[in-house]
Amino acid sequence: MDSKTYRKLRKLVTKPRLYFEDARLKRQHPDLEKYNARLKDAKTHFKRAEIEATEECLATIPDTLPNKSVFSATLALFTKRYADAERYALNVMQGAGPNTSTFREAFYLHQESLRFQGRFESALIMLKAIPFNDNSARYFRAWRLASLGAKCPEAYESVMIRFSPGDPGWLRSRNHYILLLRDLQLGERAIAEAKLLMHQVELVPAGQPKTPPTRSDAQKSRWQEKAGLALAQLKEDLAKYDIDFFLVSGTLLGCVREGTILGHDTDIDVGLMPEVTMKSLRQAIKHSSRFKLQEIVSENTLYVMHPNGVKIDLFRHYEENGKLYHGGIKCRWWNTPFELQTTQFLGSEYWVPQNHDLYLTENYGDWRTPVIEFETFLDTPNIEVTDDVNMSLFYTSQCISSHRAGHEIRAARYRQLLNY
């Protein structure tokens, strides 16, 4: 038996619905393999943020192909065509089986399109009618954001009560509920829930410590290539609106110490000077088809994502008491005011603090020596807590996740910062 026949038989036995769905599509589209190859090309162009080339590839694929509509919805979210994204996703949901991965992907894209249009009540109605069982983080996040937009914690509570301790998804349901209470400015209730959750989790023996996953050299190289592309294209898009940024935090550390983006990093950090307003920054991103705003609210920080999956945090710096500050929703970091200079990085020219030695020392202490387990919210010398409730909730979350992962030393570091 050849490998192709074996794969078909294996799919028939293990995933019969998917097998018959594939068979139906092949009968409907004799050139299915050719169309799938074009869709693959479209996704390759998309990851490079080549939007016109992506659309040209999609135009050669029949609209009746479900995977095309799913991908078209993703593309529409980046190009800010939210009504189109809703329509594409709904078309898939009307034709695909509710237990298929295609339906689920379309469902969550549909949720995202409704939220971007401010239609939170509609998002809740769709969630209540969800035709499949789910306990993923994506599921609870959709409920949380829709309930937040509708200012209706009761909607989320109706879902949360379905899960008991020990059920898959129970911990996720509680975590997202605490975040919902926090974002609704119900701090006391959020703290009470966090206390209860932590005590319940600590009754369970700690998990077995696991070695943190590390990237291979090839994976590091791919990450650095993707991150470099996203950074260069952000520079191009913001330059159209006369907005300059400079490298900060881990991205600056990688630039100065390693000459490249840190291989273990998970995002890119850039800063903007006080004269850049958040309104102008949002407008620039709104008119970019290469970046999608993340649904996180922060007064002086913007979070965006590139089509290749790279996330970039944009920190607007502001002056206060003779210092420059930047931060998010729970804390901020200070630096001595600095001038900027340009430097070559990843084949392009970027702004960096002129006295980068002082900047990095204020951020990291001995920045020249690599530290394997550096905790940003514990080990940075220049951190200041700006929201005690929010920070306590973060410490609780880190304590719980560390305990469950068997990292008791790390859990204890966060535990000692809590007063409950």
Protein backbone atom coordinates (compact mmCIF):
# COMPACT_ATOMS: atom_id res chain seq x y z
CA MET A 1 0.00 0.00 0.00
CA ASP A 2 1.47 3.36 -1.00
CA SER A 3 1.64 6.23 1.49
CA LYS A 4 -1.09 8.28 -0.22
CA THR A 5 -3.61 5.42 0.01
CA TYR A 6 -2.60 4.79 3.63
CA ARG A 7 -3.24 8.44 4.55
CA LYS A 8 -6.69 8.30 2.94
CA LEU A 9 -7.66 5.14 4.81
CA ARG A 10 -6.32 6.52 8.07
CA LYS A 11 -8.40 9.68 7.66
CA LEU A 12 -11.48 7.58 6.84
CA VAL A 13 -11.07 5.60 10.08
CA THR A 14 -9.98 8.39 12.44
CA LYS A 15 -11.75 11.43 10.93
CA PRO A 16 -14.67 10.15 8.83
CA ARG A 17 -16.47 13.51 8.66
CA LEU A 18 -13.37 15.25 7.37
CA TYR A 19 -12.80 12.42 4.88
CA PHE A 20 -16.29 12.73 3.38
CA GLU A 21 -16.07 16.54 3.41
CA ASP A 22 -12.83 16.30 1.40
CA ALA A 23 -14.48 13.83 -0.98
CA ARG A 24 -17.41 16.19 -1.50
CA LEU A 25 -15.09 19.10 -2.27
CA LYS A 26 -13.12 17.01 -4.78
CA ARG A 27 -16.32 16.08 -6.60
CA GLN A 28 -17.39 19.73 -6.59
CA HIS A 29 -13.94 21.00 -7.63
CA PRO A 30 -12.01 18.63 -9.92
CA ASP A 31 -9.07 21.07 -9.76
CA LEU A 32 -9.03 21.13 -5.96
CA GLU A 33 -5.29 20.44 -5.69
CA LYS A 34 -4.56 23.36 -8.00
CA TYR A 35 -6.80 25.67 -5.96
CA ASN A 36 -5.21 24.53 -2.70
CA ALA A 37 -1.77 25.31 -4.16
CA ARG A 38 -2.96 28.82 -5.07
CA LEU A 39 -4.37 29.26 -1.58
CA LYS A 40 -1.00 28.26 -0.18
CA ASP A 41 0.65 30.89 -2.40
CA ALA A 42 -1.86 33.48 -1.16
CA LYS A 43 -0.99 32.67 2.46
CA THR A 44 2.72 33.00 1.69
CA HIS A 45 2.15 36.47 0.22
CA PHE A 46 -0.03 37.36 3.21
CA LYS A 47 2.66 36.46 5.73
CA ARG A 48 4.94 38.89 3.91
CA ALA A 49 2.14 41.50 4.07
CA GLU A 50 1.97 41.57 0.25
CA ILE A 51 -1.72 42.37 0.28
CA GLU A 52 -2.24 43.02 -3.45
CA ALA A 53 -0.50 39.77 -4.42
CA THR A 54 -2.61 37.95 -1.82
CA GLU A 55 -5.82 39.32 -3.28
CA GLU A 56 -4.72 38.43 -6.83
CA CYS A 57 -4.16 34.80 -5.79
CA LEU A 58 -7.52 34.65 -4.03
CA ALA A 59 -9.31 36.01 -7.11
CA THR A 60 -8.35 32.82 -9.04
CA ILE A 61 -9.98 30.51 -6.46
CA PRO A 62 -13.74 29.71 -6.52
CA ASP A 63 -15.77 31.35 -3.74
CA THR A 64 -17.39 27.99 -2.96
CA LEU A 65 -14.15 26.70 -1.44
CA PRO A 66 -14.60 27.00 2.37
CA ASN A 67 -10.90 27.47 3.10
CA LYS A 68 -10.85 30.45 0.75
CA SER A 69 -13.66 32.13 2.67
CA VAL A 70 -11.96 31.48 6.01
CA PHE A 71 -8.74 33.02 4.76
CA SER A 72 -10.64 35.90 3.12
CA ALA A 73 -12.18 36.69 6.52
CA THR A 74 -8.70 36.79 8.08
CA LEU A 75 -7.46 39.10 5.33
CA ALA A 76 -10.50 41.37 5.70
CA LEU A 77 -9.78 41.84 9.41
CA PHE A 78 -6.29 43.12 8.60
CA THR A 79 -7.55 45.42 5.85
CA LYS A 80 -10.21 46.76 8.26
CA ARG A 81 -13.15 45.51 6.14
CA TYR A 82 -15.03 44.16 9.13
CA ALA A 83 -18.42 43.75 7.44
CA ASP A 84 -16.75 41.68 4.70
CA ALA A 85 -15.01 39.55 7.33
CA GLU A 86 -18.38 38.92 8.96
CA ARG A 87 -19.92 37.91 5.62
CA TYR A 88 -17.09 35.55 4.66
CA ALA A 89 -17.13 33.83 8.05
CA LEU A 90 -20.91 33.49 8.03
CA ASN A 91 -20.83 31.89 4.57
CA VAL A 92 -18.49 29.20 5.87
CA MET A 93 -20.58 28.58 8.99
CA GLN A 94 -23.69 28.09 6.86
CA GLY A 95 -22.02 25.40 4.77
CA ALA A 96 -19.56 23.60 7.05
CA GLY A 97 -20.40 21.00 9.67
CA PRO A 98 -20.49 22.46 13.22
CA ASN A 99 -17.94 19.95 14.51
CA THR A 100 -15.32 20.70 11.87
CA SER A 101 -12.21 22.78 12.47
CA THR A 102 -13.23 24.95 9.49
CA PHE A 103 -16.49 25.89 11.21
CA ARG A 104 -14.74 26.71 14.48
CA GLU A 105 -12.16 28.92 12.82
CA ALA A 106 -14.91 30.75 10.93
CA PHE A 107 -16.94 31.13 14.13
CA TYR A 108 -14.14 32.88 16.01
CA LEU A 109 -13.33 35.10 13.03
CA HIS A 110 -17.03 36.01 12.95
CA GLN A 111 -16.83 36.90 16.65
CA GLU A 112 -13.82 39.12 16.03
CA SER A 113 -15.53 40.91 13.15
CA LEU A 114 -18.60 41.64 15.29
CA ARG A 115 -16.46 43.04 18.12
CA PHE A 116 -14.53 45.32 15.78
CA GLN A 117 -17.89 46.67 14.60
CA GLY A 118 -18.97 47.28 18.20
CA ARG A 119 -21.79 44.72 17.94
CA PHE A 120 -21.21 43.04 21.27
CA GLU A 121 -24.84 42.03 21.85
CA SER A 122 -24.82 40.20 18.51
CA ALA A 123 -21.58 38.47 19.51
CA LEU A 124 -23.22 37.27 22.75
CA ILE A 125 -26.26 35.97 20.87
CA MET A 126 -23.99 33.94 18.57
CA LEU A 127 -22.01 32.59 21.53
CA LYS A 128 -25.19 31.46 23.29
CA ALA A 129 -26.17 29.55 20.15
CA ILE A 130 -22.74 27.96 19.68
CA PRO A 131 -23.33 24.48 18.20
CA PHE A 132 -20.14 22.80 19.48
CA ASN A 133 -18.47 22.12 22.81
CA ASP A 134 -15.31 24.03 23.56
CA ASN A 135 -13.12 24.75 26.57
CA SER A 136 -10.23 26.46 24.81
CA ALA A 137 -8.73 29.80 25.81
CA ARG A 138 -10.14 31.21 22.56
CA TYR A 139 -13.67 30.26 23.64
CA PHE A 140 -13.45 31.98 27.03
CA ARG A 141 -11.70 34.99 25.53
CA ALA A 142 -14.58 35.44 23.07
CA TRP A 143 -17.09 35.31 25.93
CA ARG A 144 -15.02 37.72 28.03
CA LEU A 145 -14.58 40.35 25.31
CA ALA A 146 -18.22 40.21 24.22
CA SER A 147 -19.41 40.46 27.85
CA LEU A 148 -16.99 43.34 28.43
CA GLY A 149 -18.22 45.25 25.38
CA ALA A 150 -21.84 44.70 26.39
CA LYS A 151 -20.96 45.53 30.04
CA CYS A 152 -22.73 42.35 31.07
CA PRO A 153 -20.75 40.10 33.47
CA GLU A 154 -23.91 38.04 33.99
CA ALA A 155 -23.60 36.73 30.43
CA TYR A 156 -20.15 35.33 31.20
CA GLU A 157 -21.27 33.93 34.55
CA SER A 158 -23.95 31.87 32.79
CA VAL A 159 -21.13 30.02 30.99
CA MET A 160 -18.69 29.81 33.88
CA ILE A 161 -21.10 27.92 36.15
CA ARG A 162 -21.10 25.00 33.70
CA PHE A 163 -17.55 24.11 34.78
CA SER A 164 -16.56 22.48 38.07
CA PRO A 165 -13.06 22.03 39.56
CA GLY A 166 -11.40 19.19 37.70
CA ASP A 167 -13.27 19.85 34.46
CA PRO A 168 -11.18 20.72 31.41
CA GLY A 169 -11.46 24.46 31.03
CA TRP A 170 -12.41 25.20 34.65
CA LEU A 171 -9.25 27.15 35.42
CA ARG A 172 -9.45 29.06 32.14
CA SER A 173 -13.07 30.00 32.82
CA ARG A 174 -12.13 31.46 36.23
CA ASN A 175 -9.07 33.31 34.92
CA HIS A 176 -11.04 35.05 32.19
CA TYR A 177 -13.81 35.91 34.66
CA ILE A 178 -11.28 37.66 36.89
CA LEU A 179 -9.96 39.61 33.89
CA LEU A 180 -13.52 40.58 32.97
CA LEU A 181 -14.21 41.92 36.47
CA ARG A 182 -10.94 43.84 36.34
CA ASP A 183 -11.74 45.44 32.98
CA LEU A 184 -15.23 46.37 34.21
CA GLN A 185 -13.54 48.27 37.09
CA LEU A 186 -14.94 45.80 39.64
CA GLY A 187 -11.62 45.53 41.46
CA GLU A 188 -12.86 44.26 44.83
CA ARG A 189 -14.84 41.44 43.23
CA ALA A 190 -11.86 40.56 41.03
CA ILE A 191 -9.53 40.35 44.05
CA ALA A 192 -12.03 38.20 45.98
CA GLU A 193 -12.30 35.80 43.03
CA ALA A 194 -8.50 35.71 42.65
CA LYS A 195 -8.02 34.84 46.33
CA LEU A 196 -10.55 32.03 46.13
CA LEU A 197 -9.04 30.66 42.93
CA MET A 198 -5.49 30.69 44.27
CA HIS A 199 -6.46 28.88 47.47
CA GLN A 200 -8.37 26.26 45.45
CA VAL A 201 -5.41 25.70 43.13
CA GLU A 202 -2.89 25.49 45.98
CA LEU A 203 -4.89 22.63 47.52
CA VAL A 204 -3.79 20.53 44.55
CA PRO A 205 -0.19 19.21 44.65
CA ALA A 206 2.23 21.09 42.43
CA GLY A 207 2.84 19.73 38.98
CA GLN A 208 6.07 18.13 37.85
CA PRO A 209 8.62 20.72 36.70
CA LYS A 210 9.10 20.75 32.97
CA THR A 211 12.04 22.04 31.03
CA PRO A 212 10.91 25.22 29.27
CA PRO A 213 10.70 24.74 25.50
CA THR A 214 13.67 26.20 23.66
CA ARG A 215 13.96 27.25 20.05
CA SER A 216 16.37 25.45 17.77
CA ASP A 217 18.83 27.53 15.76
CA ALA A 218 16.58 27.13 12.72
CA GLN A 219 13.52 28.28 14.71
CA LYS A 220 15.44 31.27 16.07
CA SER A 221 16.48 32.19 12.55
CA ARG A 222 12.88 32.00 11.28
CA TRP A 223 11.62 34.07 14.22
CA GLN A 224 14.29 36.73 13.67
CA GLU A 225 13.48 36.87 9.96
CA LYS A 226 9.75 37.31 10.64
CA ALA A 227 10.35 39.86 13.40
CA GLY A 228 12.75 41.83 11.20
CA LEU A 229 10.18 41.97 8.39
CA ALA A 230 7.42 43.16 10.74
CA LEU A 231 9.68 45.84 12.24
CA ALA A 232 10.74 47.16 8.82
CA GLN A 233 7.15 47.32 7.57
CA LEU A 234 5.99 49.09 10.74
CA LYS A 235 8.67 51.70 10.09
CA GLU A 236 7.41 52.16 6.51
CA ASP A 237 3.76 52.48 7.52
CA LEU A 238 4.34 54.95 10.36
CA ALA A 239 6.71 57.04 8.23
CA LYS A 240 3.74 57.85 5.97
CA TYR A 241 2.32 59.79 8.92
CA ASP A 242 5.66 61.31 10.00
CA ILE A 243 5.83 59.07 13.05
CA ASP A 244 9.22 57.77 14.14
CA PHE A 245 9.82 55.11 16.75
CA PHE A 246 12.91 53.89 18.57
CA LEU A 247 13.95 50.48 19.86
CA VAL A 248 13.36 49.80 23.56
CA SER A 249 13.45 47.01 26.14
CA GLY A 250 14.27 43.52 24.85
CA THR A 251 14.47 44.65 21.23
CA LEU A 252 17.07 47.29 22.10
CA LEU A 253 18.94 44.75 24.24
CA GLY A 254 19.10 42.36 21.28
CA CYS A 255 20.25 45.16 18.98
CA VAL A 256 23.08 46.32 21.27
CA ARG A 257 24.24 43.04 22.80
CA GLU A 258 23.52 40.47 20.09
CA GLY A 259 23.28 42.54 16.92
CA THR A 260 19.92 40.92 16.15
CA ILE A 261 16.52 40.30 17.71
CA LEU A 262 16.79 38.01 20.73
CA GLY A 263 16.14 34.44 19.65
CA HIS A 264 14.04 33.63 22.73
CA ASP A 265 11.93 36.80 22.61
CA THR A 266 8.22 36.59 21.87
CA ASP A 267 7.46 40.10 20.64
CA ILE A 268 9.01 43.41 19.55
CA ASP A 269 9.14 46.53 21.73
CA VAL A 270 9.35 50.05 20.32
CA GLY A 271 8.96 53.47 21.91
CA LEU A 272 7.57 56.81 20.81
CA MET A 273 8.44 60.24 22.14
CA PRO A 274 5.84 62.35 24.03
CA GLU A 275 5.02 64.54 21.02
CA VAL A 276 3.42 61.54 19.28
CA THR A 277 -0.24 61.35 20.28
CA MET A 278 -2.11 58.08 20.70
CA LYS A 279 -4.79 59.43 18.36
CA SER A 280 -2.30 59.93 15.51
CA LEU A 281 -0.76 56.52 16.19
CA ARG A 282 -4.14 54.79 16.07
CA GLN A 283 -5.00 56.58 12.84
CA ALA A 284 -1.76 55.39 11.25
CA ILE A 285 -2.45 51.77 12.22
CA LYS A 286 -6.09 52.09 11.14
CA HIS A 287 -4.95 52.96 7.61
CA SER A 288 -2.37 50.18 7.46
CA SER A 289 -3.35 46.87 5.88
CA ARG A 290 -0.24 45.23 7.33
CA PHE A 291 -1.09 45.47 11.02
CA LYS A 292 -4.12 44.55 13.09
CA LEU A 293 -4.90 46.19 16.41
CA GLN A 294 -5.04 43.83 19.36
CA GLU A 295 -8.09 44.15 21.59
CA ILE A 296 -6.22 45.42 24.65
CA VAL A 297 -6.98 48.81 26.17
CA SER A 298 -4.11 50.85 27.60
CA GLU A 299 -3.72 54.61 27.87
CA ASN A 300 -0.19 54.96 26.48
CA THR A 301 0.41 51.62 24.78
CA LEU A 302 -0.77 50.12 21.51
CA TYR A 303 -0.53 46.41 20.68
CA VAL A 304 -0.51 45.33 17.03
CA MET A 305 0.03 42.11 15.10
CA HIS A 306 1.62 41.50 11.70
CA PRO A 307 0.14 38.92 9.26
CA ASN A 308 3.08 36.60 10.00
CA GLY A 309 2.00 36.46 13.66
CA VAL A 310 4.66 38.76 15.12
CA LYS A 311 3.28 41.03 17.86
CA ILE A 312 4.64 44.52 18.43
CA ASP A 313 4.13 46.63 21.56
CA LEU A 314 4.27 50.39 20.93
CA PHE A 315 5.01 52.34 24.11
CA ARG A 316 4.36 56.07 24.08
CA HIS A 317 6.78 57.72 26.52
CA TYR A 318 5.67 60.67 28.65
CA GLU A 319 7.47 63.07 30.97
CA GLU A 320 6.83 63.31 34.69
CA ASN A 321 9.00 64.71 37.50
CA GLY A 322 12.07 64.92 35.30
CA LYS A 323 11.84 61.33 34.05
CA LEU A 324 10.55 59.58 30.95
CA TYR A 325 7.98 56.87 31.62
CA HIS A 326 6.38 54.13 29.57
CA GLY A 327 4.13 51.29 30.61
CA GLY A 328 0.90 49.36 30.34
CA ILE A 329 -2.23 48.93 32.42
CA LYS A 330 -0.64 47.81 35.70
CA CYS A 331 2.87 49.28 35.92
CA ARG A 332 5.37 51.60 34.27
CA TRP A 333 9.13 51.89 33.85
CA TRP A 334 11.17 55.09 34.22
CA ASN A 335 14.30 56.21 32.41
CA THR A 336 16.56 59.23 32.55
CA PRO A 337 15.55 61.51 29.62
CA PHE A 338 17.62 60.73 26.55
CA GLU A 339 18.40 61.93 23.04
CA LEU A 340 18.14 59.62 20.04
CA GLN A 341 20.63 58.50 17.43
CA THR A 342 20.38 56.15 14.48
CA THR A 343 22.00 52.74 14.18
CA GLN A 344 22.10 49.98 11.59
CA PHE A 345 19.98 47.00 12.58
CA LEU A 346 18.74 44.09 10.46
CA GLY A 347 19.72 45.85 7.25
CA SER A 348 17.89 49.07 8.02
CA GLU A 349 18.37 52.24 10.06
CA TYR A 350 16.53 52.66 13.37
CA TRP A 351 16.48 55.17 16.18
CA VAL A 352 17.86 54.11 19.58
CA PRO A 353 18.61 55.98 22.84
CA GLN A 354 21.93 57.77 22.42
CA ASN A 355 23.21 56.64 25.83
CA HIS A 356 21.96 53.08 25.43
CA ASP A 357 24.31 51.86 28.14
CA LEU A 358 22.52 54.01 30.76
CA TYR A 359 19.10 53.09 29.36
CA LEU A 360 19.78 49.35 29.49
CA THR A 361 21.41 49.57 32.93
CA GLU A 362 18.31 51.30 34.29
CA ASN A 363 16.15 48.59 32.72
CA TYR A 364 18.18 45.46 33.43
CA GLY A 365 21.09 46.19 35.74
CA ASP A 366 23.97 44.09 34.35
CA TRP A 367 22.59 43.90 30.82
CA ARG A 368 25.80 42.54 29.30
CA THR A 369 25.40 39.16 31.02
CA PRO A 370 22.58 37.01 29.56
CA VAL A 371 20.06 35.79 32.15
CA ILE A 372 18.14 32.61 31.33
CA GLU A 373 15.14 33.17 33.60
CA PHE A 374 14.54 36.93 33.72
CA GLU A 375 11.15 37.99 35.12
CA THR A 376 10.21 41.35 33.60
CA PHE A 377 7.78 42.24 36.39
CA LEU A 378 10.13 41.17 39.19
CA ASP A 379 13.68 41.81 38.02
CA THR A 380 13.59 45.20 36.27
CA PRO A 381 15.14 47.80 38.63
CA ASN A 382 13.10 50.71 37.24
CA ILE A 383 9.58 49.28 37.56
CA GLU A 384 6.82 51.20 39.39
CA VAL A 385 3.39 49.74 40.13
CA THR A 386 0.60 52.07 38.99
CA ASP A 387 -2.45 49.90 39.69
CA ASP A 388 -2.28 47.77 42.85
CA VAL A 389 -5.40 45.76 42.01
CA ASN A 390 -4.25 44.98 38.49
CA MET A 391 -0.76 44.06 39.65
CA SER A 392 -2.10 41.81 42.42
CA LEU A 393 -4.24 39.99 39.88
CA PHE A 394 -1.19 39.54 37.65
CA TYR A 395 0.91 38.21 40.56
CA THR A 396 -1.89 35.78 41.41
CA SER A 397 -2.08 34.53 37.83
CA GLN A 398 1.69 34.02 37.70
CA CYS A 399 1.68 32.28 41.07
CA ILE A 400 -1.04 29.86 39.94
CA SER A 401 0.57 29.05 36.59
CA SER A 402 3.99 28.55 38.23
CA HIS A 403 2.52 26.24 40.89
CA ARG A 404 0.70 24.15 38.31
CA ALA A 405 3.89 23.89 36.25
CA GLY A 406 5.89 22.77 39.27
CA HIS A 407 8.09 25.89 39.42
CA GLU A 408 7.72 26.43 43.16
CA ILE A 409 10.62 28.89 43.53
CA ARG A 410 9.10 31.12 40.88
CA ALA A 411 5.65 30.72 42.46
CA ALA A 412 7.06 31.71 45.87
CA ARG A 413 8.58 34.89 44.42
CA TYR A 414 5.17 36.03 43.25
CA ARG A 415 3.39 34.70 46.35
CA GLN A 416 5.44 36.88 48.71
CA LEU A 417 4.26 40.01 46.90
CA LEU A 418 0.62 39.23 47.69
CA ASN A 419 -1.07 40.27 50.92
CA TYR A 420 -3.55 37.39 50.88
